Amino acid sequence: MNFDFPEVSPAVYDEVRQRVLGEIRRQRKARNAVRMMAAAAACAVLVVTGLLALRQPAAAPAPPMLARVPGGPPVVVRASPMRHRRANRQRAAPAQPLLVRLETDDPNVVILWIVD
């Protein structure tokens, strides 16, 4: 098969090439703008995180004062950690052992079972 297409002038090729290159430049500019915004946002996050990390902790509140002697040094009370005590469980011993009576089919045989 022989196709006879008309010859396209080089100016048409140049025009198409310029449009494609212009499209590529626009996409590249948009991508670079997104990258720059992402980098700026990451830097802002790092700066804020660094400032929060370097911030001095708040001063601890003064311990409570119970009494003060005029002209004497202040009395400082230091809180000791609380200790929880368990109540001692006393097992109530049964007053008498449990007796189980098992009767069998034979009236002359009775089984007595003592459980502590």
N, C-alpha and C. Protein backbone atom coordinates (compact mmCIF):
# COMPACT_ATOMS: atom_id res chain seq x y z
N MET A 1 0.83 -1.17 0.00
CA MET A 1 0.00 0.00 0.00
C MET A 1 0.87 1.24 0.00
N ASN A 2 0.48 2.08 -0.79
CA ASN A 2 1.23 3.31 -0.91
C ASN A 2 0.31 4.47 -0.55
N PHE A 3 0.64 5.19 0.52
CA PHE A 3 -0.15 6.33 0.93
C PHE A 3 0.52 7.59 0.42
N ASP A 4 -0.24 8.44 -0.15
CA ASP A 4 0.29 9.70 -0.63
C ASP A 4 -0.21 10.82 0.28
N PHE A 5 0.55 11.09 1.34
CA PHE A 5 0.22 12.18 2.24
C PHE A 5 0.88 13.45 1.74
N PRO A 6 0.19 14.55 1.92
CA PRO A 6 0.83 15.80 1.48
C PRO A 6 2.00 16.13 2.39
N GLU A 7 2.99 16.73 1.86
CA GLU A 7 4.17 17.13 2.62
C GLU A 7 3.80 18.28 3.55
N VAL A 8 4.28 18.18 4.81
CA VAL A 8 4.00 19.20 5.81
C VAL A 8 5.21 20.12 5.85
N SER A 9 4.94 21.39 5.91
CA SER A 9 6.05 22.35 5.89
C SER A 9 6.77 22.35 7.23
N PRO A 10 8.04 22.67 7.24
CA PRO A 10 8.80 22.70 8.50
C PRO A 10 8.25 23.72 9.49
N ALA A 11 7.55 24.74 9.04
CA ALA A 11 6.98 25.74 9.96
C ALA A 11 5.90 25.12 10.83
N VAL A 12 5.14 24.18 10.28
CA VAL A 12 4.10 23.50 11.06
C VAL A 12 4.74 22.65 12.15
N TYR A 13 5.83 21.95 11.78
CA TYR A 13 6.55 21.16 12.78
C TYR A 13 7.08 22.07 13.90
N ASP A 14 7.62 23.22 13.54
CA ASP A 14 8.14 24.15 14.54
C ASP A 14 7.02 24.65 15.46
N GLU A 15 5.85 24.91 14.90
CA GLU A 15 4.72 25.38 15.69
C GLU A 15 4.27 24.32 16.70
N VAL A 16 4.16 23.08 16.25
CA VAL A 16 3.77 21.98 17.15
C VAL A 16 4.82 21.79 18.23
N ARG A 17 6.08 21.84 17.84
CA ARG A 17 7.18 21.67 18.80
C ARG A 17 7.13 22.76 19.86
N GLN A 18 6.88 24.01 19.46
CA GLN A 18 6.81 25.11 20.41
C GLN A 18 5.63 24.96 21.38
N ARG A 19 4.48 24.49 20.88
CA ARG A 19 3.33 24.26 21.77
C ARG A 19 3.62 23.17 22.80
N VAL A 20 4.23 22.08 22.35
CA VAL A 20 4.56 20.97 23.27
C VAL A 20 5.57 21.43 24.31
N LEU A 21 6.60 22.14 23.89
CA LEU A 21 7.60 22.62 24.85
C LEU A 21 6.99 23.63 25.83
N GLY A 22 6.06 24.48 25.35
CA GLY A 22 5.38 25.41 26.25
C GLY A 22 4.54 24.68 27.29
N GLU A 23 3.87 23.61 26.87
CA GLU A 23 3.08 22.79 27.81
C GLU A 23 3.98 22.15 28.87
N ILE A 24 5.12 21.65 28.41
CA ILE A 24 6.06 21.01 29.34
C ILE A 24 6.58 22.04 30.34
N ARG A 25 6.89 23.26 29.87
CA ARG A 25 7.38 24.30 30.79
C ARG A 25 6.33 24.67 31.83
N ARG A 26 5.05 24.79 31.42
CA ARG A 26 3.99 25.12 32.37
C ARG A 26 3.84 24.03 33.44
N GLN A 27 3.88 22.77 33.02
CA GLN A 27 3.78 21.67 33.99
C GLN A 27 4.98 21.67 34.93
N ARG A 28 6.14 21.95 34.40
CA ARG A 28 7.35 21.96 35.22
C ARG A 28 7.28 23.09 36.25
N LYS A 29 6.78 24.26 35.84
CA LYS A 29 6.64 25.39 36.77
C LYS A 29 5.65 25.05 37.88
N ALA A 30 4.55 24.40 37.52
CA ALA A 30 3.55 24.03 38.53
C ALA A 30 4.14 23.03 39.53
N ARG A 31 4.87 22.04 39.01
CA ARG A 31 5.49 21.05 39.89
C ARG A 31 6.52 21.70 40.82
N ASN A 32 7.31 22.61 40.28
CA ASN A 32 8.31 23.29 41.10
C ASN A 32 7.65 24.15 42.17
N ALA A 33 6.53 24.79 41.85
CA ALA A 33 5.82 25.59 42.84
C ALA A 33 5.30 24.71 43.98
N VAL A 34 4.77 23.54 43.65
CA VAL A 34 4.27 22.62 44.68
C VAL A 34 5.43 22.15 45.55
N ARG A 35 6.56 21.85 44.93
CA ARG A 35 7.74 21.40 45.71
C ARG A 35 8.22 22.50 46.64
N MET A 36 8.23 23.73 46.18
CA MET A 36 8.68 24.84 47.02
C MET A 36 7.73 25.05 48.20
N MET A 37 6.43 24.93 47.95
CA MET A 37 5.46 25.09 49.04
C MET A 37 5.61 23.97 50.07
N ALA A 38 5.84 22.75 49.61
CA ALA A 38 6.02 21.63 50.53
C ALA A 38 7.29 21.82 51.36
N ALA A 39 8.37 22.29 50.72
CA ALA A 39 9.61 22.53 51.45
C ALA A 39 9.44 23.64 52.48
N ALA A 40 8.71 24.71 52.11
CA ALA A 40 8.48 25.80 53.05
C ALA A 40 7.63 25.33 54.23
N ALA A 41 6.63 24.49 53.97
CA ALA A 41 5.79 23.97 55.06
C ALA A 41 6.61 23.07 55.99
N ALA A 42 7.49 22.25 55.42
CA ALA A 42 8.34 21.38 56.24
C ALA A 42 9.27 22.22 57.11
N CYS A 43 9.83 23.28 56.55
CA CYS A 43 10.71 24.15 57.34
C CYS A 43 9.93 24.83 58.47
N ALA A 44 8.72 25.26 58.18
CA ALA A 44 7.90 25.89 59.22
C ALA A 44 7.60 24.91 60.35
N VAL A 45 7.31 23.67 60.00
CA VAL A 45 7.04 22.65 61.03
C VAL A 45 8.29 22.41 61.87
N LEU A 46 9.46 22.35 61.24
CA LEU A 46 10.70 22.14 61.99
C LEU A 46 10.99 23.31 62.92
N VAL A 47 10.75 24.53 62.47
CA VAL A 47 11.01 25.69 63.31
C VAL A 47 10.07 25.69 64.52
N VAL A 48 8.81 25.44 64.29
CA VAL A 48 7.84 25.43 65.40
C VAL A 48 8.18 24.31 66.38
N THR A 49 8.53 23.13 65.87
CA THR A 49 8.89 22.01 66.75
C THR A 49 10.14 22.34 67.56
N GLY A 50 11.12 22.96 66.91
CA GLY A 50 12.34 23.34 67.62
C GLY A 50 12.09 24.36 68.71
N LEU A 51 11.24 25.34 68.41
CA LEU A 51 10.92 26.34 69.43
C LEU A 51 10.17 25.73 70.60
N LEU A 52 9.29 24.79 70.32
CA LEU A 52 8.57 24.14 71.42
C LEU A 52 9.52 23.28 72.26
N ALA A 53 10.50 22.66 71.61
CA ALA A 53 11.45 21.81 72.34
C ALA A 53 12.38 22.65 73.21
N LEU A 54 12.73 23.85 72.75
CA LEU A 54 13.65 24.69 73.51
C LEU A 54 12.98 25.51 74.59
N ARG A 55 11.66 25.52 74.59
CA ARG A 55 10.94 26.30 75.59
C ARG A 55 11.25 25.78 76.99
N GLN A 56 11.47 26.69 77.90
CA GLN A 56 11.82 26.31 79.27
C GLN A 56 10.59 25.74 79.98
N PRO A 57 10.77 24.67 80.76
CA PRO A 57 9.61 24.13 81.50
C PRO A 57 9.18 25.12 82.59
N ALA A 58 7.92 25.06 82.92
CA ALA A 58 7.37 25.94 83.95
C ALA A 58 7.99 25.60 85.30
N ALA A 59 8.17 26.60 86.13
CA ALA A 59 8.74 26.39 87.46
C ALA A 59 7.77 25.58 88.30
N ALA A 60 8.34 24.67 89.11
CA ALA A 60 7.52 23.83 89.98
C ALA A 60 6.91 24.70 91.07
N PRO A 61 5.67 24.43 91.45
CA PRO A 61 5.06 25.24 92.51
C PRO A 61 5.76 25.01 93.85
N ALA A 62 5.75 26.03 94.67
CA ALA A 62 6.39 25.93 95.98
C ALA A 62 5.63 24.93 96.84
N PRO A 63 6.36 24.20 97.69
CA PRO A 63 5.67 23.25 98.57
C PRO A 63 4.77 23.99 99.56
N PRO A 64 3.73 23.34 100.02
CA PRO A 64 2.80 24.02 100.93
C PRO A 64 3.45 24.32 102.29
N MET A 65 3.08 25.43 102.87
CA MET A 65 3.60 25.84 104.17
C MET A 65 2.51 25.61 105.21
N LEU A 66 2.84 24.84 106.25
CA LEU A 66 1.86 24.57 107.30
C LEU A 66 1.86 25.67 108.35
N ALA A 67 3.04 26.06 108.78
CA ALA A 67 3.13 27.08 109.83
C ALA A 67 4.42 27.86 109.63
N ARG A 68 4.42 29.04 110.18
CA ARG A 68 5.62 29.86 110.07
C ARG A 68 5.88 30.50 111.43
N VAL A 69 7.12 30.35 111.85
CA VAL A 69 7.53 30.94 113.12
C VAL A 69 8.02 32.36 112.82
N PRO A 70 7.55 33.34 113.57
CA PRO A 70 8.02 34.71 113.31
C PRO A 70 9.52 34.80 113.54
N GLY A 71 10.22 35.31 112.56
CA GLY A 71 11.66 35.51 112.68
C GLY A 71 12.46 34.24 112.45
N GLY A 72 11.85 33.12 112.18
CA GLY A 72 12.59 31.88 111.96
C GLY A 72 12.54 31.46 110.50
N PRO A 73 13.23 30.40 110.21
CA PRO A 73 13.23 29.91 108.82
C PRO A 73 11.86 29.31 108.48
N PRO A 74 11.50 29.35 107.24
CA PRO A 74 10.20 28.78 106.87
C PRO A 74 10.21 27.26 106.99
N VAL A 75 9.06 26.72 107.35
CA VAL A 75 8.91 25.29 107.51
C VAL A 75 8.47 24.73 106.16
N VAL A 76 9.23 23.78 105.68
CA VAL A 76 8.90 23.17 104.39
C VAL A 76 8.46 21.74 104.64
N VAL A 77 7.32 21.40 104.10
CA VAL A 77 6.79 20.04 104.26
C VAL A 77 7.03 19.30 102.96
N ARG A 78 7.68 18.18 103.04
CA ARG A 78 7.90 17.37 101.86
C ARG A 78 6.92 16.21 101.87
N ALA A 79 6.23 16.08 100.78
CA ALA A 79 5.23 15.00 100.69
C ALA A 79 5.94 13.69 100.42
N SER A 80 5.58 12.68 101.18
CA SER A 80 6.13 11.35 100.96
C SER A 80 5.15 10.54 100.12
N PRO A 81 5.64 9.60 99.36
CA PRO A 81 4.72 8.82 98.52
C PRO A 81 3.76 8.02 99.39
N MET A 82 2.53 7.93 98.94
CA MET A 82 1.52 7.16 99.69
C MET A 82 1.76 5.68 99.50
N ARG A 83 1.56 4.96 100.55
CA ARG A 83 1.67 3.51 100.47
C ARG A 83 0.29 2.93 100.77
N HIS A 84 -0.11 2.06 99.90
CA HIS A 84 -1.39 1.40 100.09
C HIS A 84 -1.14 0.07 100.78
N ARG A 85 -1.86 -0.13 101.85
CA ARG A 85 -1.70 -1.39 102.59
C ARG A 85 -2.87 -2.29 102.28
N ARG A 86 -2.56 -3.53 102.15
CA ARG A 86 -3.61 -4.52 101.93
C ARG A 86 -4.13 -5.01 103.27
N ALA A 87 -5.41 -5.17 103.31
CA ALA A 87 -6.00 -5.71 104.53
C ALA A 87 -5.67 -7.19 104.62
N ASN A 88 -5.30 -7.62 105.82
CA ASN A 88 -4.99 -9.04 106.01
C ASN A 88 -6.27 -9.84 105.97
N ARG A 89 -6.30 -10.78 105.07
CA ARG A 89 -7.48 -11.64 104.97
C ARG A 89 -7.30 -12.82 105.92
N GLN A 90 -8.25 -12.98 106.74
CA GLN A 90 -8.20 -14.13 107.64
C GLN A 90 -9.24 -15.13 107.15
N ARG A 91 -8.75 -16.31 106.89
CA ARG A 91 -9.67 -17.35 106.46
C ARG A 91 -10.40 -17.90 107.67
N ALA A 92 -11.67 -17.92 107.51
CA ALA A 92 -12.47 -18.46 108.60
C ALA A 92 -12.40 -19.98 108.52
N ALA A 93 -11.85 -20.56 109.56
CA ALA A 93 -11.76 -22.01 109.59
C ALA A 93 -13.14 -22.59 109.87
N PRO A 94 -13.53 -23.62 109.14
CA PRO A 94 -14.84 -24.20 109.40
C PRO A 94 -14.89 -24.78 110.81
N ALA A 95 -16.02 -24.60 111.43
CA ALA A 95 -16.18 -25.08 112.80
C ALA A 95 -16.06 -26.59 112.87
N GLN A 96 -16.59 -27.28 111.90
CA GLN A 96 -16.47 -28.74 111.87
C GLN A 96 -16.29 -29.15 110.40
N PRO A 97 -15.63 -30.28 110.14
CA PRO A 97 -15.44 -30.70 108.77
C PRO A 97 -16.78 -31.06 108.11
N LEU A 98 -16.81 -30.94 106.80
CA LEU A 98 -18.01 -31.25 106.05
C LEU A 98 -18.13 -32.77 105.91
N LEU A 99 -19.30 -33.29 106.18
CA LEU A 99 -19.53 -34.73 106.12
C LEU A 99 -20.52 -35.01 105.00
N VAL A 100 -20.09 -35.84 104.04
CA VAL A 100 -20.95 -36.22 102.93
C VAL A 100 -21.30 -37.69 103.12
N ARG A 101 -22.60 -37.97 103.04
CA ARG A 101 -23.05 -39.35 103.22
C ARG A 101 -23.57 -39.86 101.88
N LEU A 102 -22.94 -40.93 101.35
CA LEU A 102 -23.33 -41.54 100.08
C LEU A 102 -23.99 -42.88 100.37
N GLU A 103 -25.21 -43.02 99.92
CA GLU A 103 -25.92 -44.28 100.11
C GLU A 103 -25.89 -45.05 98.80
N THR A 104 -25.72 -46.35 98.91
CA THR A 104 -25.66 -47.20 97.73
C THR A 104 -26.95 -48.02 97.63
N ASP A 105 -27.01 -48.87 96.58
CA ASP A 105 -28.19 -49.73 96.41
C ASP A 105 -28.31 -50.76 97.54
N ASP A 106 -27.20 -51.15 98.07
CA ASP A 106 -27.20 -52.12 99.17
C ASP A 106 -27.40 -51.35 100.48
N PRO A 107 -28.45 -51.59 101.23
CA PRO A 107 -28.69 -50.83 102.46
C PRO A 107 -27.63 -51.07 103.53
N ASN A 108 -26.84 -52.13 103.41
CA ASN A 108 -25.81 -52.40 104.41
C ASN A 108 -24.52 -51.61 104.14
N VAL A 109 -24.41 -50.97 102.93
CA VAL A 109 -23.19 -50.23 102.59
C VAL A 109 -23.53 -48.73 102.53
N VAL A 110 -22.88 -47.96 103.39
CA VAL A 110 -23.02 -46.50 103.41
C VAL A 110 -21.61 -45.93 103.41
N ILE A 111 -21.35 -44.96 102.51
CA ILE A 111 -20.03 -44.35 102.41
C ILE A 111 -20.11 -42.99 103.09
N LEU A 112 -19.21 -42.76 104.04
CA LEU A 112 -19.11 -41.47 104.71
C LEU A 112 -17.83 -40.79 104.22
N TRP A 113 -17.99 -39.59 103.72
CA TRP A 113 -16.84 -38.87 103.14
C TRP A 113 -16.68 -37.58 103.92
N ILE A 114 -15.49 -37.40 104.56
CA ILE A 114 -15.21 -36.21 105.35
C ILE A 114 -14.32 -35.28 104.53
N VAL A 115 -14.78 -34.04 104.34
CA VAL A 115 -14.05 -33.06 103.54
C VAL A 115 -13.55 -31.97 104.46
N ASP A 116 -12.25 -31.68 104.36
CA ASP A 116 -11.67 -30.60 105.18
C ASP A 116 -11.91 -29.27 104.51
